[in-house]
Amino acid sequence: MYQDDPALPAAGPRAQGGDMTTSELTDRLALAEDLVLTRMGYGTMQLAGPGVMGPPRDRDEAVAVLREAVERGVTHIDTSDYYGPFVVNEIVREALHPYPEDLRIVTKVGCRRGEDGSWNLDTSPAELVREVHENLERLGLDALDVVNLRVSDNHEESLAGAFGALADLREQGLIRHLGVSNVSPAQLAEARTVGPVVCVQNHYNLVHRTDDALVDHCAAEGIAYTSFFPLGGFSPLQSDTLAAVATRVGASPQQTALAWLLQRSPTMLLIPGTSSRAHLRENLAAADLVLPPEAVAELDEIG
């Protein structure tokens, strides 16, 4: 089984004295010598049109959001060629290429969008190879920093063949690091027998806590856990307890929910998305918010 290099530095401590700002995000997670990510990242899904299909309503604003995220210190951009489809990666390239030296782009493969907006999972080796090459072309890269294998909701299904196809592309130099998405603990373990896994990207937030044990396992193994839909996704988080705690700590409910996630695990990464610069600034400000123990305990009870 592949294991992470124990010599790599662990996640830095959460800021306690206000030394982390949204202009210089200092809380980073080192997963490899060439893979150091700000724990507060940015997810691009909302840069597409309604239903994650077609172009954005305001392309200039989409470009501006990406540029401001990077200007404010974000080094972790999460994207996929099936957002749009294709549209979002084209915007990422327009906004950020040539990419800053410390910027790392994480993408996903294993899905095709239908003309009706359907999400059609396909993890056949031929399809994965095609999607990797399409991501490379649209992003204007010679190698992808991280590729996550997105699998179906059938957690009894083996992912060894699909992950092996990506591992082969890693050996060829087209991918630097591999991750998995929407997986069970057993599927993560299986993937790690095939190749090194630097990150898991699963549905997890203050309310959706099915992965509590997996979050802890990833932290113990030095694997990043990236929460998708950290604010609820298509069903925004709603909780009277969250609202009350947010009022007490002087933050918005969304910022409070993000701060709880950052304090939940030292290897937690966040990729909240938005198509608005104002909302981006609100999200990034959550990196400065340190919740007191009594607030954390109260929020823990929500899940």
Protein backbone atom coordinates (compact mmCIF):
# COMPACT_ATOMS: atom_id res chain seq x y z
CA MET A 1 0.00 0.00 0.00
CA TYR A 2 1.22 3.46 -0.87
CA GLN A 3 1.62 5.83 2.07
CA ASP A 4 2.21 9.55 2.37
CA ASP A 5 5.75 10.72 3.03
CA PRO A 6 5.98 11.14 6.82
CA ALA A 7 8.71 13.75 6.40
CA LEU A 8 6.30 16.24 4.83
CA PRO A 9 5.23 19.13 7.07
CA ALA A 10 1.82 18.83 8.67
CA ALA A 11 -0.97 21.37 8.40
CA GLY A 12 -0.14 24.66 10.03
CA PRO A 13 -2.05 25.78 13.13
CA ARG A 14 -5.17 27.86 12.82
CA ALA A 15 -4.55 31.56 13.22
CA GLN A 16 -5.17 32.72 16.78
CA GLY A 17 -3.84 36.26 16.83
CA GLY A 18 -5.21 37.70 13.60
CA ASP A 19 -2.06 36.95 11.59
CA MET A 20 -4.07 35.32 8.81
CA THR A 21 -5.76 37.73 6.43
CA THR A 22 -7.75 37.29 3.24
CA SER A 23 -4.98 39.08 1.35
CA GLU A 24 -2.38 36.55 2.51
CA LEU A 25 -3.89 33.20 3.43
CA THR A 26 -1.22 31.55 5.54
CA ASP A 27 -3.03 28.37 6.64
CA ARG A 28 -1.72 25.81 4.18
CA LEU A 29 -1.57 22.06 3.88
CA ALA A 30 1.53 20.41 2.41
CA LEU A 31 0.62 17.12 0.72
CA ALA A 32 3.84 16.79 -1.30
CA GLU A 33 6.86 18.94 -2.01
CA ASP A 34 5.11 20.30 -5.10
CA LEU A 35 1.58 20.33 -3.64
CA VAL A 36 1.02 22.96 -0.96
CA LEU A 37 -2.56 24.22 -0.87
CA THR A 38 -4.29 27.01 0.99
CA ARG A 39 -6.89 25.24 3.11
CA MET A 40 -9.42 27.84 1.98
CA GLY A 41 -9.64 27.28 -1.75
CA TYR A 42 -12.12 28.21 -4.44
CA GLY A 43 -14.51 25.96 -6.37
CA THR A 44 -15.49 26.97 -9.90
CA MET A 45 -18.81 25.14 -10.34
CA GLN A 46 -20.91 28.29 -9.96
CA LEU A 47 -19.07 30.02 -12.80
CA ALA A 48 -21.20 28.09 -15.31
CA GLY A 49 -24.77 28.98 -16.21
CA PRO A 50 -27.93 27.70 -14.48
CA GLY A 51 -27.77 24.00 -13.71
CA VAL A 52 -23.99 24.14 -14.24
CA MET A 53 -24.71 24.29 -17.97
CA GLY A 54 -23.63 26.85 -20.55
CA PRO A 55 -21.87 30.17 -20.12
CA PRO A 56 -22.17 32.39 -17.04
CA ARG A 57 -24.58 35.30 -16.96
CA ASP A 58 -21.62 37.65 -16.58
CA ARG A 59 -18.38 36.31 -18.03
CA ASP A 60 -16.39 39.40 -17.06
CA GLU A 61 -17.40 38.92 -13.43
CA ALA A 62 -16.47 35.24 -13.60
CA VAL A 63 -12.99 36.19 -14.80
CA ALA A 64 -12.74 38.85 -12.10
CA VAL A 65 -13.73 36.38 -9.35
CA LEU A 66 -10.96 33.97 -10.34
CA ARG A 67 -8.37 36.72 -10.53
CA GLU A 68 -9.35 38.16 -7.17
CA ALA A 69 -9.24 34.75 -5.51
CA VAL A 70 -5.63 34.34 -6.64
CA GLU A 71 -4.74 37.93 -5.79
CA ARG A 72 -5.99 37.32 -2.26
CA GLY A 73 -3.67 34.36 -1.84
CA VAL A 74 -5.73 31.30 -2.81
CA THR A 75 -3.48 28.58 -4.28
CA HIS A 76 -6.16 25.87 -4.57
CA ILE A 77 -8.60 26.09 -7.48
CA ASP A 78 -11.05 23.21 -7.92
CA THR A 79 -12.63 22.71 -11.33
CA SER A 80 -13.74 20.16 -13.91
CA ASP A 81 -14.20 19.97 -17.64
CA TYR A 82 -17.77 18.80 -17.10
CA TYR A 83 -18.74 22.14 -15.55
CA GLY A 84 -20.50 23.84 -18.41
CA PRO A 85 -19.39 21.49 -19.89
CA PHE A 86 -15.99 22.84 -20.93
CA VAL A 87 -17.01 26.47 -20.35
CA VAL A 88 -15.55 26.84 -16.87
CA ASN A 89 -12.11 25.48 -17.70
CA GLU A 90 -11.97 27.86 -20.65
CA ILE A 91 -12.72 30.74 -18.25
CA VAL A 92 -10.07 29.51 -15.81
CA ARG A 93 -7.49 29.61 -18.60
CA GLU A 94 -8.64 33.02 -19.81
CA ALA A 95 -8.48 34.49 -16.31
CA LEU A 96 -5.30 32.93 -14.93
CA HIS A 97 -3.01 31.62 -17.70
CA PRO A 98 -0.04 31.79 -17.52
CA TYR A 99 -0.65 30.44 -14.04
CA PRO A 100 1.16 31.77 -10.95
CA GLU A 101 3.99 29.49 -9.85
CA ASP A 102 2.30 28.48 -6.58
CA LEU A 103 -1.21 27.96 -8.00
CA ARG A 104 -2.47 24.37 -8.03
CA ILE A 105 -5.48 23.36 -10.12
CA VAL A 106 -7.44 20.31 -9.03
CA THR A 107 -9.82 18.74 -11.54
CA LYS A 108 -12.19 15.77 -11.70
CA VAL A 109 -12.85 13.12 -14.33
CA GLY A 110 -15.38 10.34 -14.71
CA CYS A 111 -18.48 12.16 -15.94
CA ARG A 112 -20.02 13.49 -19.15
CA ARG A 113 -22.86 16.00 -19.34
CA GLY A 114 -25.84 15.26 -21.51
CA GLU A 115 -27.48 17.90 -23.66
CA ASP A 116 -30.40 17.76 -21.23
CA GLY A 117 -28.07 18.67 -18.35
CA SER A 118 -27.81 15.10 -17.06
CA TRP A 119 -24.68 13.91 -15.23
CA ASN A 120 -23.58 10.70 -16.92
CA LEU A 121 -20.86 8.88 -15.02
CA ASP A 122 -18.34 6.96 -17.11
CA THR A 123 -15.14 5.66 -15.54
CA SER A 124 -14.04 3.40 -18.37
CA PRO A 125 -10.28 3.70 -18.99
CA ALA A 126 -10.75 5.06 -22.51
CA GLU A 127 -13.11 7.76 -21.26
CA LEU A 128 -10.80 8.76 -18.42
CA VAL A 129 -7.83 9.06 -20.78
CA ARG A 130 -9.93 11.23 -23.10
CA GLU A 131 -11.08 13.48 -20.25
CA VAL A 132 -7.56 13.95 -18.91
CA HIS A 133 -6.34 15.06 -22.33
CA GLU A 134 -9.32 17.40 -22.70
CA ASN A 135 -8.59 18.98 -19.32
CA LEU A 136 -4.95 19.45 -20.30
CA GLU A 137 -5.91 21.11 -23.55
CA ARG A 138 -8.56 23.46 -22.18
CA LEU A 139 -6.51 24.49 -19.16
CA GLY A 140 -3.37 24.94 -21.23
CA LEU A 141 -1.24 22.61 -19.11
CA ASP A 142 1.38 19.96 -19.79
CA ALA A 143 0.46 18.11 -16.59
CA LEU A 144 -2.49 18.30 -14.20
CA ASP A 145 -1.61 19.02 -10.56
CA VAL A 146 -4.32 16.77 -9.10
CA VAL A 147 -6.98 14.63 -10.76
CA ASN A 148 -9.85 13.26 -8.69
CA LEU A 149 -11.64 10.14 -9.87
CA ARG A 150 -15.38 10.79 -9.45
CA VAL A 151 -17.25 7.53 -8.86
CA SER A 152 -20.92 6.60 -8.60
CA ASP A 153 -23.05 6.35 -5.48
CA ASN A 154 -22.66 2.57 -5.60
CA HIS A 155 -20.02 2.24 -2.91
CA GLU A 156 -19.85 -1.53 -3.40
CA GLU A 157 -18.35 -0.97 -6.84
CA SER A 158 -14.62 -1.56 -7.37
CA LEU A 159 -12.68 1.46 -8.57
CA ALA A 160 -9.37 -0.36 -9.07
CA GLY A 161 -9.56 -0.47 -12.85
CA ALA A 162 -10.47 3.18 -13.23
CA PHE A 163 -7.95 4.36 -10.66
CA GLY A 164 -5.33 2.18 -12.32
CA ALA A 165 -5.93 3.98 -15.62
CA LEU A 166 -5.24 7.32 -13.90
CA ALA A 167 -2.21 5.86 -12.15
CA ASP A 168 -0.84 4.91 -15.58
CA LEU A 169 -1.30 8.52 -16.74
CA ARG A 170 0.54 9.64 -13.62
CA GLU A 171 3.44 7.37 -14.55
CA GLN A 172 3.43 8.99 -17.99
CA GLY A 173 3.80 12.44 -16.41
CA LEU A 174 0.37 13.77 -17.43
CA ILE A 175 -0.88 13.84 -13.82
CA ARG A 176 1.19 14.74 -10.77
CA HIS A 177 -1.12 13.57 -7.99
CA LEU A 178 -4.30 11.52 -7.65
CA GLY A 179 -7.43 11.80 -5.54
CA VAL A 180 -10.84 10.18 -5.27
CA SER A 181 -14.31 11.66 -5.00
CA ASN A 182 -17.62 10.36 -3.65
CA VAL A 183 -15.98 7.29 -2.14
CA SER A 184 -16.49 5.04 0.85
CA PRO A 185 -13.69 4.15 3.28
CA ALA A 186 -13.39 0.75 1.57
CA GLN A 187 -13.01 2.37 -1.84
CA LEU A 188 -10.34 4.72 -0.51
CA ALA A 189 -8.45 1.74 0.89
CA GLU A 190 -8.74 -0.04 -2.46
CA ALA A 191 -7.47 2.99 -4.36
CA ARG A 192 -4.44 3.20 -2.07
CA THR A 193 -3.43 -0.33 -3.04
CA VAL A 194 -3.25 0.88 -6.66
CA GLY A 195 -1.48 4.22 -6.26
CA PRO A 196 -0.86 7.12 -3.86
CA VAL A 197 -3.96 9.13 -2.89
CA VAL A 198 -3.40 12.70 -1.73
CA CYS A 199 -7.01 13.75 -1.26
CA VAL A 200 -10.60 12.62 -0.82
CA GLN A 201 -13.38 14.89 -2.08
CA ASN A 202 -16.75 13.96 -0.57
CA HIS A 203 -20.01 15.59 0.47
CA TYR A 204 -19.57 16.89 4.01
CA ASN A 205 -20.70 19.91 5.96
CA LEU A 206 -22.09 21.00 9.32
CA VAL A 207 -25.37 19.16 8.68
CA HIS A 208 -24.29 16.31 6.38
CA ARG A 209 -21.98 14.35 8.70
CA THR A 210 -22.04 10.82 7.26
CA ASP A 211 -18.26 10.95 6.71
CA ASP A 212 -17.28 11.85 10.28
CA ALA A 213 -15.17 8.70 10.68
CA LEU A 214 -13.60 9.12 7.24
CA VAL A 215 -12.64 12.72 8.01
CA ASP A 216 -10.78 11.50 11.09
CA HIS A 217 -9.18 8.62 9.17
CA CYS A 218 -7.87 10.98 6.49
CA ALA A 219 -6.37 13.25 9.13
CA ALA A 220 -4.63 10.30 10.76
CA GLU A 221 -3.24 9.16 7.41
CA GLY A 222 -2.12 12.61 6.23
CA ILE A 223 -4.68 12.67 3.40
CA ALA A 224 -6.53 15.87 2.57
CA TYR A 225 -10.29 15.75 2.95
CA THR A 226 -11.99 18.26 0.66
CA SER A 227 -15.58 19.03 1.54
CA PHE A 228 -17.77 19.62 -1.48
CA PHE A 229 -21.02 21.49 -0.85
CA PRO A 230 -19.50 22.95 2.36
CA LEU A 231 -22.45 25.35 2.55
CA GLY A 232 -25.09 22.86 1.41
CA GLY A 233 -24.76 23.19 -2.36
CA PHE A 234 -28.13 23.19 -4.09
CA SER A 235 -29.83 23.08 -0.64
CA PRO A 236 -28.22 25.86 1.44
CA LEU A 237 -27.65 25.16 5.12
CA GLN A 238 -30.43 26.31 7.43
CA SER A 239 -30.21 26.00 11.20
CA ASP A 240 -31.45 28.13 14.07
CA THR A 241 -28.45 26.98 16.12
CA LEU A 242 -26.05 28.04 13.37
CA ALA A 243 -27.72 31.43 13.09
CA ALA A 244 -27.53 31.97 16.85
CA VAL A 245 -23.86 31.01 17.08
CA ALA A 246 -23.04 33.22 14.09
CA THR A 247 -24.68 36.20 15.78
CA ARG A 248 -22.65 35.62 18.94
CA VAL A 249 -19.32 35.39 17.13
CA GLY A 250 -20.08 38.36 14.87
CA ALA A 251 -20.04 36.51 11.56
CA SER A 252 -22.51 35.32 8.96
CA PRO A 253 -23.96 31.80 9.20
CA GLN A 254 -22.02 30.87 6.07
CA GLN A 255 -18.72 32.10 7.49
CA THR A 256 -19.42 30.28 10.74
CA ALA A 257 -20.14 27.01 8.91
CA LEU A 258 -16.89 27.33 6.95
CA ALA A 259 -14.90 28.13 10.07
CA TRP A 260 -16.36 25.05 11.80
CA LEU A 261 -15.14 22.90 8.92
CA LEU A 262 -11.63 24.32 9.07
CA GLN A 263 -11.48 23.54 12.79
CA ARG A 264 -13.04 20.11 12.30
CA SER A 265 -9.84 18.53 10.94
CA PRO A 266 -6.24 19.68 10.32
CA THR A 267 -6.37 18.16 6.83
CA MET A 268 -9.73 19.67 5.85
CA LEU A 269 -9.72 21.70 2.63
CA LEU A 270 -12.59 23.95 1.56
CA ILE A 271 -13.66 24.93 -1.96
CA PRO A 272 -16.73 27.18 -1.57
CA GLY A 273 -17.87 28.53 -4.90
CA THR A 274 -19.46 31.76 -6.00
CA SER A 275 -19.86 33.88 -9.11
CA SER A 276 -19.63 37.14 -7.14
CA ARG A 277 -16.54 38.97 -5.92
CA ALA A 278 -18.41 40.28 -2.89
CA HIS A 279 -19.44 36.75 -1.89
CA LEU A 280 -15.89 35.53 -2.53
CA ARG A 281 -14.56 38.06 -0.02
CA GLU A 282 -17.11 36.91 2.57
CA ASN A 283 -16.10 33.27 2.09
CA LEU A 284 -12.37 33.97 2.33
CA ALA A 285 -12.88 35.99 5.51
CA ALA A 286 -14.00 32.77 7.21
CA ALA A 287 -10.32 31.76 7.25
CA ASP A 288 -9.81 34.45 9.91
CA LEU A 289 -12.62 33.27 12.14
CA VAL A 290 -11.60 31.09 15.11
CA LEU A 291 -14.60 29.66 16.92
CA PRO A 292 -14.37 29.32 20.72
CA PRO A 293 -14.70 25.78 22.12
CA GLU A 294 -18.24 26.34 23.39
CA ALA A 295 -19.37 27.45 19.92
CA VAL A 296 -17.75 24.40 18.32
CA ALA A 297 -19.46 22.11 20.83
CA GLU A 298 -22.82 23.69 20.11
CA LEU A 299 -22.38 23.40 16.36
CA ASP A 300 -21.23 19.79 16.70
CA GLU A 301 -24.68 18.91 17.98
CA ILE A 302 -26.34 19.98 14.73
CA GLY A 303 -25.05 16.94 12.88
